[in-house]
Amino acid sequence: MRVVDDLRKNWARYVLYTALAALVVCGIGFTAAGVAAGSLAACAQSYFYGGQTGGLFSLLQSLGTRLVMPPLGVLVLAGIAAVVTVPAMCKAISWVWSWWKSRT
């Protein structure tokens, strides 16, 4: 029940943190197409790693290939959908949880 309550109270914060992380990772040059030329990531790769990358750099590049930023309109529509559906989902999960607990 704590997880549901936490989700209900903090869901917007979690969505915001995920979006900010995607913006930062993509913004410093870790993109779906690879390291962006002339970016901070490209400078770090050139200065510290050369062709032999590993560790944190590789982790950030891996995230960058998965965190593709959609167009702004899609983000706005997804935000509206989240605002509408997440509270209803939390209420449904809470109801199912309380029903399940009352059975046992």
PDB file of N, CA and C in Angstrom:
ATOM      1  N   MET A   1       0.816  -1.192   0.000  1.00  0.00           N
ATOM      2  CA  MET A   1       0.000   0.000   0.000  1.00  0.00           C
ATOM      3  C   MET A   1       0.861   1.258   0.000  1.00  0.00           C
ATOM      4  N   ARG A   2       2.044   1.187   0.608  1.00  0.00           N
ATOM      5  CA  ARG A   2       2.928   2.345   0.627  1.00  0.00           C
ATOM      6  C   ARG A   2       3.356   2.746  -0.780  1.00  0.00           C
ATOM      7  N   VAL A   3       3.572   1.751  -1.626  1.00  0.00           N
ATOM      8  CA  VAL A   3       3.997   2.041  -2.997  1.00  0.00           C
ATOM      9  C   VAL A   3       2.902   2.802  -3.732  1.00  0.00           C
ATOM     10  N   VAL A   4       1.654   2.379  -3.570  1.00  0.00           N
ATOM     11  CA  VAL A   4       0.531   3.058  -4.227  1.00  0.00           C
ATOM     12  C   VAL A   4       0.395   4.479  -3.703  1.00  0.00           C
ATOM     13  N   ASP A   5       0.495   4.651  -2.387  1.00  0.00           N
ATOM     14  CA  ASP A   5       0.410   5.997  -1.821  1.00  0.00           C
ATOM     15  C   ASP A   5       1.544   6.879  -2.317  1.00  0.00           C
ATOM     16  N   ASP A   6       2.752   6.331  -2.379  1.00  0.00           N
ATOM     17  CA  ASP A   6       3.894   7.084  -2.877  1.00  0.00           C
ATOM     18  C   ASP A   6       3.695   7.480  -4.337  1.00  0.00           C
ATOM     19  N   LEU A   7       3.194   6.545  -5.141  1.00  0.00           N
ATOM     20  CA  LEU A   7       2.928   6.847  -6.554  1.00  0.00           C
ATOM     21  C   LEU A   7       1.864   7.932  -6.681  1.00  0.00           C
ATOM     22  N   ARG A   8       0.834   7.824  -5.881  1.00  0.00           N
ATOM     23  CA  ARG A   8      -0.252   8.795  -5.945  1.00  0.00           C
ATOM     24  C   ARG A   8       0.245  10.200  -5.602  1.00  0.00           C
ATOM     25  N   LYS A   9       1.119  10.296  -4.615  1.00  0.00           N
ATOM     26  CA  LYS A   9       1.600  11.606  -4.174  1.00  0.00           C
ATOM     27  C   LYS A   9       2.698  12.168  -5.066  1.00  0.00           C
ATOM     28  N   ASN A  10       3.544  11.299  -5.624  1.00  0.00           N
ATOM     29  CA  ASN A  10       4.769  11.772  -6.283  1.00  0.00           C
ATOM     30  C   ASN A  10       4.877  11.437  -7.767  1.00  0.00           C
ATOM     31  N   TRP A  11       3.805  11.010  -8.408  1.00  0.00           N
ATOM     32  CA  TRP A  11       3.919  10.564  -9.796  1.00  0.00           C
ATOM     33  C   TRP A  11       4.410  11.678 -10.716  1.00  0.00           C
ATOM     34  N   ALA A  12       3.962  12.898 -10.492  1.00  0.00           N
ATOM     35  CA  ALA A  12       4.386  13.997 -11.371  1.00  0.00           C
ATOM     36  C   ALA A  12       5.887  14.248 -11.221  1.00  0.00           C
ATOM     37  N   ARG A  13       6.394  14.104 -10.001  1.00  0.00           N
ATOM     38  CA  ARG A  13       7.825  14.289  -9.766  1.00  0.00           C
ATOM     39  C   ARG A  13       8.627  13.224 -10.519  1.00  0.00           C
ATOM     40  N   TYR A  14       8.154  11.984 -10.497  1.00  0.00           N
ATOM     41  CA  TYR A  14       8.872  10.908 -11.189  1.00  0.00           C
ATOM     42  C   TYR A  14       8.884  11.123 -12.696  1.00  0.00           C
ATOM     43  N   VAL A  15       7.766  11.552 -13.247  1.00  0.00           N
ATOM     44  CA  VAL A  15       7.694  11.842 -14.687  1.00  0.00           C
ATOM     45  C   VAL A  15       8.632  12.999 -15.035  1.00  0.00           C
ATOM     46  N   LEU A  16       8.631  14.040 -14.204  1.00  0.00           N
ATOM     47  CA  LEU A  16       9.486  15.195 -14.447  1.00  0.00           C
ATOM     48  C   LEU A  16      10.966  14.813 -14.379  1.00  0.00           C
ATOM     49  N   TYR A  17      11.356  14.029 -13.381  1.00  0.00           N
ATOM     50  CA  TYR A  17      12.759  13.614 -13.251  1.00  0.00           C
ATOM     51  C   TYR A  17      13.204  12.779 -14.453  1.00  0.00           C
ATOM     52  N   THR A  18      12.326  11.905 -14.931  1.00  0.00           N
ATOM     53  CA  THR A  18      12.666  11.089 -16.091  1.00  0.00           C
ATOM     54  C   THR A  18      12.852  11.967 -17.329  1.00  0.00           C
ATOM     55  N   ALA A  19      11.954  12.923 -17.519  1.00  0.00           N
ATOM     56  CA  ALA A  19      12.064  13.829 -18.670  1.00  0.00           C
ATOM     57  C   ALA A  19      13.325  14.690 -18.571  1.00  0.00           C
ATOM     58  N   LEU A  20      13.631  15.176 -17.372  1.00  0.00           N
ATOM     59  CA  LEU A  20      14.844  15.987 -17.201  1.00  0.00           C
ATOM     60  C   LEU A  20      16.103  15.168 -17.456  1.00  0.00           C
ATOM     61  N   ALA A  21      16.111  13.918 -16.997  1.00  0.00           N
ATOM     62  CA  ALA A  21      17.270  13.055 -17.250  1.00  0.00           C
ATOM     63  C   ALA A  21      17.463  12.844 -18.748  1.00  0.00           C
ATOM     64  N   ALA A  22      16.360  12.637 -19.465  1.00  0.00           N
ATOM     65  CA  ALA A  22      16.446  12.456 -20.915  1.00  0.00           C
ATOM     66  C   ALA A  22      16.971  13.717 -21.586  1.00  0.00           C
ATOM     67  N   LEU A  23      16.500  14.885 -21.141  1.00  0.00           N
ATOM     68  CA  LEU A  23      16.974  16.141 -21.716  1.00  0.00           C
ATOM     69  C   LEU A  23      18.461  16.346 -21.458  1.00  0.00           C
ATOM     70  N   VAL A  24      18.914  16.036 -20.262  1.00  0.00           N
ATOM     71  CA  VAL A  24      20.327  16.235 -19.925  1.00  0.00           C
ATOM     72  C   VAL A  24      21.203  15.290 -20.736  1.00  0.00           C
ATOM     73  N   VAL A  25      20.850  14.004 -20.756  1.00  0.00           N
ATOM     74  CA  VAL A  25      21.666  13.015 -21.475  1.00  0.00           C
ATOM     75  C   VAL A  25      21.738  13.353 -22.959  1.00  0.00           C
ATOM     76  N   CYS A  26      20.584  13.672 -23.543  1.00  0.00           N
ATOM     77  CA  CYS A  26      20.576  14.026 -24.966  1.00  0.00           C
ATOM     78  C   CYS A  26      21.220  15.399 -25.189  1.00  0.00           C
ATOM     79  N   GLY A  27      21.053  16.298 -24.233  1.00  0.00           N
ATOM     80  CA  GLY A  27      21.589  17.644 -24.375  1.00  0.00           C
ATOM     81  C   GLY A  27      23.108  17.711 -24.354  1.00  0.00           C
ATOM     82  N   ILE A  28      23.750  16.793 -23.626  1.00  0.00           N
ATOM     83  CA  ILE A  28      25.215  16.835 -23.599  1.00  0.00           C
ATOM     84  C   ILE A  28      25.832  16.041 -24.739  1.00  0.00           C
ATOM     85  N   GLY A  29      24.975  15.427 -25.576  1.00  0.00           N
ATOM     86  CA  GLY A  29      25.488  14.830 -26.801  1.00  0.00           C
ATOM     87  C   GLY A  29      25.357  13.336 -26.952  1.00  0.00           C
ATOM     88  N   PHE A  30      24.708  12.658 -26.016  1.00  0.00           N
ATOM     89  CA  PHE A  30      24.490  11.213 -26.154  1.00  0.00           C
ATOM     90  C   PHE A  30      23.144  11.014 -26.822  1.00  0.00           C
ATOM     91  N   THR A  31      23.151  10.756 -28.131  1.00  0.00           N
ATOM     92  CA  THR A  31      21.914  10.681 -28.908  1.00  0.00           C
ATOM     93  C   THR A  31      21.685   9.262 -29.422  1.00  0.00           C
ATOM     94  N   ALA A  32      20.521   9.066 -30.003  1.00  0.00           N
ATOM     95  CA  ALA A  32      20.187   7.753 -30.566  1.00  0.00           C
ATOM     96  C   ALA A  32      21.089   7.394 -31.741  1.00  0.00           C
ATOM     97  N   ALA A  33      21.617   8.399 -32.412  1.00  0.00           N
ATOM     98  CA  ALA A  33      22.503   8.163 -33.560  1.00  0.00           C
ATOM     99  C   ALA A  33      23.964   8.036 -33.154  1.00  0.00           C
ATOM    100  N   GLY A  34      24.241   8.136 -31.860  1.00  0.00           N
ATOM    101  CA  GLY A  34      25.617   8.075 -31.378  1.00  0.00           C
ATOM    102  C   GLY A  34      26.010   9.391 -30.736  1.00  0.00           C
ATOM    103  N   VAL A  35      27.278   9.568 -30.496  1.00  0.00           N
ATOM    104  CA  VAL A  35      27.772  10.801 -29.883  1.00  0.00           C
ATOM    105  C   VAL A  35      27.683  11.924 -30.911  1.00  0.00           C
ATOM    106  N   ALA A  36      27.027  13.017 -30.530  1.00  0.00           N
ATOM    107  CA  ALA A  36      26.849  14.147 -31.450  1.00  0.00           C
ATOM    108  C   ALA A  36      28.172  14.886 -31.648  1.00  0.00           C
ATOM    109  N   ALA A  37      28.475  15.186 -32.882  1.00  0.00           N
ATOM    110  CA  ALA A  37      29.720  15.895 -33.209  1.00  0.00           C
ATOM    111  C   ALA A  37      29.707  17.279 -32.588  1.00  0.00           C
ATOM    112  N   GLY A  38      30.830  17.670 -31.992  1.00  0.00           N
ATOM    113  CA  GLY A  38      30.965  18.989 -31.402  1.00  0.00           C
ATOM    114  C   GLY A  38      30.300  19.163 -30.047  1.00  0.00           C
ATOM    115  N   SER A  39      29.753  18.095 -29.502  1.00  0.00           N
ATOM    116  CA  SER A  39      29.057  18.187 -28.217  1.00  0.00           C
ATOM    117  C   SER A  39      30.025  17.974 -27.059  1.00  0.00           C
ATOM    118  N   LEU A  40      29.517  18.182 -25.857  1.00  0.00           N
ATOM    119  CA  LEU A  40      30.303  17.936 -24.654  1.00  0.00           C
ATOM    120  C   LEU A  40      30.725  16.464 -24.581  1.00  0.00           C
ATOM    121  N   ALA A  41      29.836  15.579 -24.985  1.00  0.00           N
ATOM    122  CA  ALA A  41      30.164  14.156 -24.985  1.00  0.00           C
ATOM    123  C   ALA A  41      31.300  13.849 -25.962  1.00  0.00           C
ATOM    124  N   ALA A  42      31.275  14.487 -27.120  1.00  0.00           N
ATOM    125  CA  ALA A  42      32.345  14.275 -28.106  1.00  0.00           C
ATOM    126  C   ALA A  42      33.681  14.792 -27.584  1.00  0.00           C
ATOM    127  N   CYS A  43      33.648  15.931 -26.917  1.00  0.00           N
ATOM    128  CA  CYS A  43      34.883  16.478 -26.330  1.00  0.00           C
ATOM    129  C   CYS A  43      35.435  15.544 -25.264  1.00  0.00           C
ATOM    130  N   ALA A  44      34.553  15.033 -24.405  1.00  0.00           N
ATOM    131  CA  ALA A  44      34.997  14.116 -23.350  1.00  0.00           C
ATOM    132  C   ALA A  44      35.563  12.838 -23.950  1.00  0.00           C
ATOM    133  N   GLN A  45      34.904  12.327 -24.983  1.00  0.00           N
ATOM    134  CA  GLN A  45      35.404  11.106 -25.617  1.00  0.00           C
ATOM    135  C   GLN A  45      36.776  11.357 -26.230  1.00  0.00           C
ATOM    136  N   SER A  46      36.932  12.461 -26.911  1.00  0.00           N
ATOM    137  CA  SER A  46      38.201  12.776 -27.553  1.00  0.00           C
ATOM    138  C   SER A  46      39.312  12.979 -26.531  1.00  0.00           C
ATOM    139  N   TYR A  47      39.021  13.695 -25.463  1.00  0.00           N
ATOM    140  CA  TYR A  47      40.043  14.041 -24.477  1.00  0.00           C
ATOM    141  C   TYR A  47      40.400  12.862 -23.568  1.00  0.00           C
ATOM    142  N   PHE A  48      39.386  12.155 -23.062  1.00  0.00           N
ATOM    143  CA  PHE A  48      39.639  11.114 -22.058  1.00  0.00           C
ATOM    144  C   PHE A  48      39.769   9.710 -22.630  1.00  0.00           C
ATOM    145  N   TYR A  49      38.973   9.387 -23.628  1.00  0.00           N
ATOM    146  CA  TYR A  49      38.856   7.992 -24.039  1.00  0.00           C
ATOM    147  C   TYR A  49      39.434   7.669 -25.402  1.00  0.00           C
ATOM    148  N   GLY A  50      39.292   8.532 -26.356  1.00  0.00           N
ATOM    149  CA  GLY A  50      39.654   8.182 -27.724  1.00  0.00           C
ATOM    150  C   GLY A  50      38.664   7.155 -28.251  1.00  0.00           C
ATOM    151  N   GLY A  51      39.149   6.112 -28.830  1.00  0.00           N
ATOM    152  CA  GLY A  51      38.261   5.073 -29.356  1.00  0.00           C
ATOM    153  C   GLY A  51      37.899   4.004 -28.346  1.00  0.00           C
ATOM    154  N   GLN A  52      38.569   3.974 -27.214  1.00  0.00           N
ATOM    155  CA  GLN A  52      38.350   2.928 -26.205  1.00  0.00           C
ATOM    156  C   GLN A  52      37.523   3.483 -25.053  1.00  0.00           C
ATOM    157  N   THR A  53      36.224   3.437 -25.185  1.00  0.00           N
ATOM    158  CA  THR A  53      35.357   3.955 -24.125  1.00  0.00           C
ATOM    159  C   THR A  53      34.895   2.813 -23.236  1.00  0.00           C
ATOM    160  N   GLY A  54      34.437   3.172 -22.069  1.00  0.00           N
ATOM    161  CA  GLY A  54      33.923   2.187 -21.132  1.00  0.00           C
ATOM    162  C   GLY A  54      33.317   2.880 -19.929  1.00  0.00           C
ATOM    163  N   GLY A  55      32.769   2.135 -19.029  1.00  0.00           N
ATOM    164  CA  GLY A  55      32.251   2.671 -17.781  1.00  0.00           C
ATOM    165  C   GLY A  55      31.113   3.644 -17.954  1.00  0.00           C
ATOM    166  N   LEU A  56      31.218   4.794 -17.284  1.00  0.00           N
ATOM    167  CA  LEU A  56      30.169   5.798 -17.276  1.00  0.00           C
ATOM    168  C   LEU A  56      29.871   6.331 -18.676  1.00  0.00           C
ATOM    169  N   PHE A  57      30.892   6.548 -19.470  1.00  0.00           N
ATOM    170  CA  PHE A  57      30.677   7.050 -20.827  1.00  0.00           C
ATOM    171  C   PHE A  57      29.799   6.081 -21.623  1.00  0.00           C
ATOM    172  N   SER A  58      30.114   4.804 -21.552  1.00  0.00           N
ATOM    173  CA  SER A  58      29.330   3.807 -22.282  1.00  0.00           C
ATOM    174  C   SER A  58      27.915   3.691 -21.737  1.00  0.00           C
ATOM    175  N   LEU A  59      27.758   3.829 -20.424  1.00  0.00           N
ATOM    176  CA  LEU A  59      26.432   3.801 -19.826  1.00  0.00           C
ATOM    177  C   LEU A  59      25.592   4.971 -20.332  1.00  0.00           C
ATOM    178  N   LEU A  60      26.168   6.161 -20.349  1.00  0.00           N
ATOM    179  CA  LEU A  60      25.432   7.326 -20.838  1.00  0.00           C
ATOM    180  C   LEU A  60      25.097   7.202 -22.322  1.00  0.00           C
ATOM    181  N   GLN A  61      26.008   6.648 -23.108  1.00  0.00           N
ATOM    182  CA  GLN A  61      25.715   6.448 -24.530  1.00  0.00           C
ATOM    183  C   GLN A  61      24.587   5.441 -24.707  1.00  0.00           C
ATOM    184  N   SER A  62      24.599   4.400 -23.888  1.00  0.00           N
ATOM    185  CA  SER A  62      23.527   3.413 -23.936  1.00  0.00           C
ATOM    186  C   SER A  62      22.188   4.052 -23.592  1.00  0.00           C
ATOM    187  N   LEU A  63      22.172   4.902 -22.569  1.00  0.00           N
ATOM    188  CA  LEU A  63      20.939   5.619 -22.220  1.00  0.00           C
ATOM    189  C   LEU A  63      20.513   6.547 -23.351  1.00  0.00           C
ATOM    190  N   GLY A  64      21.474   7.225 -23.947  1.00  0.00           N
ATOM    191  CA  GLY A  64      21.164   8.147 -25.036  1.00  0.00           C
ATOM    192  C   GLY A  64      20.511   7.467 -26.225  1.00  0.00           C
ATOM    193  N   THR A  65      20.873   6.230 -26.489  1.00  0.00           N
ATOM    194  CA  THR A  65      20.258   5.519 -27.611  1.00  0.00           C
ATOM    195  C   THR A  65      18.833   5.114 -27.298  1.00  0.00           C
ATOM    196  N   ARG A  66      18.494   5.050 -26.029  1.00  0.00           N
ATOM    197  CA  ARG A  66      17.141   4.651 -25.645  1.00  0.00           C
ATOM    198  C   ARG A  66      16.238   5.834 -25.313  1.00  0.00           C
ATOM    199  N   LEU A  67      16.810   6.943 -24.931  1.00  0.00           N
ATOM    200  CA  LEU A  67      16.030   8.108 -24.520  1.00  0.00           C
ATOM    201  C   LEU A  67      15.870   9.082 -25.682  1.00  0.00           C
ATOM    202  N   VAL A  68      15.177   8.676 -26.683  1.00  0.00           N
ATOM    203  CA  VAL A  68      14.938   9.536 -27.843  1.00  0.00           C
ATOM    204  C   VAL A  68      13.863  10.544 -27.469  1.00  0.00           C
ATOM    205  N   MET A  69      14.168  11.819 -27.647  1.00  0.00           N
ATOM    206  CA  MET A  69      13.209  12.870 -27.284  1.00  0.00           C
ATOM    207  C   MET A  69      12.170  13.041 -28.392  1.00  0.00           C
ATOM    208  N   PRO A  70      10.885  12.845 -28.064  1.00  0.00           N
ATOM    209  CA  PRO A  70       9.834  13.043 -29.059  1.00  0.00           C
ATOM    210  C   PRO A  70       9.558  14.531 -29.268  1.00  0.00           C
ATOM    211  N   PRO A  71       8.792  14.863 -30.296  1.00  0.00           N
ATOM    212  CA  PRO A  71       8.436  16.265 -30.527  1.00  0.00           C
ATOM    213  C   PRO A  71       7.644  16.833 -29.344  1.00  0.00           C
ATOM    214  N   LEU A  72       7.658  18.151 -29.204  1.00  0.00           N
ATOM    215  CA  LEU A  72       7.015  18.820 -28.074  1.00  0.00           C
ATOM    216  C   LEU A  72       5.520  18.504 -27.994  1.00  0.00           C
ATOM    217  N   GLY A  73       4.856  18.440 -29.127  1.00  0.00           N
ATOM    218  CA  GLY A  73       3.416  18.142 -29.131  1.00  0.00           C
ATOM    219  C   GLY A  73       3.109  16.784 -28.520  1.00  0.00           C
ATOM    220  N   VAL A  74       3.951  15.818 -28.813  1.00  0.00           N
ATOM    221  CA  VAL A  74       3.766  14.478 -28.246  1.00  0.00           C
ATOM    222  C   VAL A  74       3.984  14.516 -26.739  1.00  0.00           C
ATOM    223  N   LEU A  75       4.987  15.277 -26.287  1.00  0.00           N
ATOM    224  CA  LEU A  75       5.227  15.405 -24.848  1.00  0.00           C
ATOM    225  C   LEU A  75       4.039  16.048 -24.139  1.00  0.00           C
ATOM    226  N   VAL A  76       3.458  17.076 -24.752  1.00  0.00           N
ATOM    227  CA  VAL A  76       2.300  17.753 -24.152  1.00  0.00           C
ATOM    228  C   VAL A  76       1.116  16.793 -24.058  1.00  0.00           C
ATOM    229  N   LEU A  77       0.845  16.066 -25.137  1.00  0.00           N
ATOM    230  CA  LEU A  77      -0.269  15.117 -25.114  1.00  0.00           C
ATOM    231  C   LEU A  77      -0.029  13.996 -24.096  1.00  0.00           C
ATOM    232  N   ALA A  78       1.203  13.537 -23.987  1.00  0.00           N
ATOM    233  CA  ALA A  78       1.517  12.501 -22.999  1.00  0.00           C
ATOM    234  C   ALA A  78       1.335  13.034 -21.582  1.00  0.00           C
ATOM    235  N   GLY A  79       1.713  14.281 -21.359  1.00  0.00           N
ATOM    236  CA  GLY A  79       1.510  14.895 -20.041  1.00  0.00           C
ATOM    237  C   GLY A  79       0.042  14.996 -19.690  1.00  0.00           C
ATOM    238  N   ILE A  80      -0.762  15.407 -20.647  1.00  0.00           N
ATOM    239  CA  ILE A  80      -2.214  15.493 -20.415  1.00  0.00           C
ATOM    240  C   ILE A  80      -2.784  14.112 -20.124  1.00  0.00           C
ATOM    241  N   ALA A  81      -2.364  13.123 -20.894  1.00  0.00           N
ATOM    242  CA  ALA A  81      -2.847  11.757 -20.665  1.00  0.00           C
ATOM    243  C   ALA A  81      -2.447  11.243 -19.285  1.00  0.00           C
ATOM    244  N   ALA A  82      -1.233  11.574 -18.865  1.00  0.00           N
ATOM    245  CA  ALA A  82      -0.769  11.137 -17.542  1.00  0.00           C
ATOM    246  C   ALA A  82      -1.585  11.794 -16.441  1.00  0.00           C
ATOM    247  N   VAL A  83      -1.862  13.086 -16.589  1.00  0.00           N
ATOM    248  CA  VAL A  83      -2.644  13.797 -15.572  1.00  0.00           C
ATOM    249  C   VAL A  83      -4.044  13.206 -15.457  1.00  0.00           C
ATOM    250  N   VAL A  84      -4.598  12.772 -16.568  1.00  0.00           N
ATOM    251  CA  VAL A  84      -5.948  12.220 -16.565  1.00  0.00           C
ATOM    252  C   VAL A  84      -5.965  10.776 -16.056  1.00  0.00           C
ATOM    253  N   THR A  85      -5.018   9.959 -16.474  1.00  0.00           N
ATOM    254  CA  THR A  85      -5.108   8.523 -16.188  1.00  0.00           C
ATOM    255  C   THR A  85      -4.430   8.065 -14.910  1.00  0.00           C
ATOM    256  N   VAL A  86      -3.342   8.681 -14.508  1.00  0.00           N
ATOM    257  CA  VAL A  86      -2.600   8.181 -13.343  1.00  0.00           C
ATOM    258  C   VAL A  86      -3.437   8.215 -12.067  1.00  0.00           C
ATOM    259  N   PRO A  87      -4.156   9.304 -11.752  1.00  0.00           N
ATOM    260  CA  PRO A  87      -4.972   9.268 -10.535  1.00  0.00           C
ATOM    261  C   PRO A  87      -6.030   8.166 -10.562  1.00  0.00           C
ATOM    262  N   ALA A  88      -6.634   7.944 -11.723  1.00  0.00           N
ATOM    263  CA  ALA A  88      -7.640   6.877 -11.828  1.00  0.00           C
ATOM    264  C   ALA A  88      -6.999   5.508 -11.640  1.00  0.00           C
ATOM    265  N   MET A  89      -5.812   5.320 -12.198  1.00  0.00           N
ATOM    266  CA  MET A  89      -5.115   4.040 -12.025  1.00  0.00           C
ATOM    267  C   MET A  89      -4.748   3.826 -10.565  1.00  0.00           C
ATOM    268  N   CYS A  90      -4.280   4.861  -9.891  1.00  0.00           N
ATOM    269  CA  CYS A  90      -3.933   4.741  -8.472  1.00  0.00           C
ATOM    270  C   CYS A  90      -5.159   4.388  -7.642  1.00  0.00           C
ATOM    271  N   LYS A  91      -6.292   5.006  -7.976  1.00  0.00           N
ATOM    272  CA  LYS A  91      -7.523   4.702  -7.254  1.00  0.00           C
ATOM    273  C   LYS A  91      -7.939   3.252  -7.494  1.00  0.00           C
ATOM    274  N   ALA A  92      -7.827   2.781  -8.731  1.00  0.00           N
ATOM    275  CA  ALA A  92      -8.184   1.398  -9.041  1.00  0.00           C
ATOM    276  C   ALA A  92      -7.254   0.418  -8.333  1.00  0.00           C
ATOM    277  N   ILE A  93      -5.962   0.706  -8.324  1.00  0.00           N
ATOM    278  CA  ILE A  93      -5.010  -0.170  -7.640  1.00  0.00           C
ATOM    279  C   ILE A  93      -5.290  -0.185  -6.141  1.00  0.00           C
ATOM    280  N   SER A  94      -5.591   0.970  -5.586  1.00  0.00           N
ATOM    281  CA  SER A  94      -5.924   1.056  -4.167  1.00  0.00           C
ATOM    282  C   SER A  94      -7.168   0.242  -3.852  1.00  0.00           C
ATOM    283  N   TRP A  95      -8.178   0.321  -4.704  1.00  0.00           N
ATOM    284  CA  TRP A  95      -9.405  -0.447  -4.503  1.00  0.00           C
ATOM    285  C   TRP A  95      -9.131  -1.948  -4.563  1.00  0.00           C
ATOM    286  N   VAL A  96      -8.368  -2.377  -5.579  1.00  0.00           N
ATOM    287  CA  VAL A  96      -8.040  -3.798  -5.710  1.00  0.00           C
ATOM    288  C   VAL A  96      -7.236  -4.268  -4.500  1.00  0.00           C
ATOM    289  N   TRP A  97      -6.291  -3.443  -4.067  1.00  0.00           N
ATOM    290  CA  TRP A  97      -5.469  -3.816  -2.907  1.00  0.00           C
ATOM    291  C   TRP A  97      -6.326  -3.967  -1.656  1.00  0.00           C
ATOM    292  N   SER A  98      -7.226  -3.015  -1.400  1.00  0.00           N
ATOM    293  CA  SER A  98      -8.061  -3.108  -0.208  1.00  0.00           C
ATOM    294  C   SER A  98      -9.036  -4.284  -0.322  1.00  0.00           C
ATOM    295  N   TRP A  99      -9.540  -4.558  -1.518  1.00  0.00           N
ATOM    296  CA  TRP A  99     -10.405  -5.729  -1.710  1.00  0.00           C
ATOM    297  C   TRP A  99      -9.632  -7.011  -1.429  1.00  0.00           C
ATOM    298  N   TRP A 100      -8.408  -7.081  -1.935  1.00  0.00           N
ATOM    299  CA  TRP A 100      -7.588  -8.274  -1.733  1.00  0.00           C
ATOM    300  C   TRP A 100      -7.276  -8.483  -0.252  1.00  0.00           C
ATOM    301  N   LYS A 101      -6.938  -7.396   0.459  1.00  0.00           N
ATOM    302  CA  LYS A 101      -6.629  -7.493   1.888  1.00  0.00           C
ATOM    303  C   LYS A 101      -7.865  -7.908   2.691  1.00  0.00           C
ATOM    304  N   SER A 102      -9.060  -7.477   2.271  1.00  0.00           N
ATOM    305  CA  SER A 102     -10.276  -7.832   3.015  1.00  0.00           C
ATOM    306  C   SER A 102     -10.640  -9.306   2.825  1.00  0.00           C
ATOM    307  N   ARG A 103     -10.172  -9.912   1.754  1.00  0.00           N
ATOM    308  CA  ARG A 103     -10.458 -11.330   1.510  1.00  0.00           C
ATOM    309  C   ARG A 103      -9.692 -12.231   2.442  1.00  0.00           C
ATOM    310  N   THR A 104      -8.498 -11.817   2.837  1.00  0.00           N
ATOM    311  CA  THR A 104      -7.644 -12.709   3.635  1.00  0.00           C
ATOM    312  C   THR A 104      -7.767 -12.482   5.110  1.00  0.00           C
TER     313      THR A 104
END
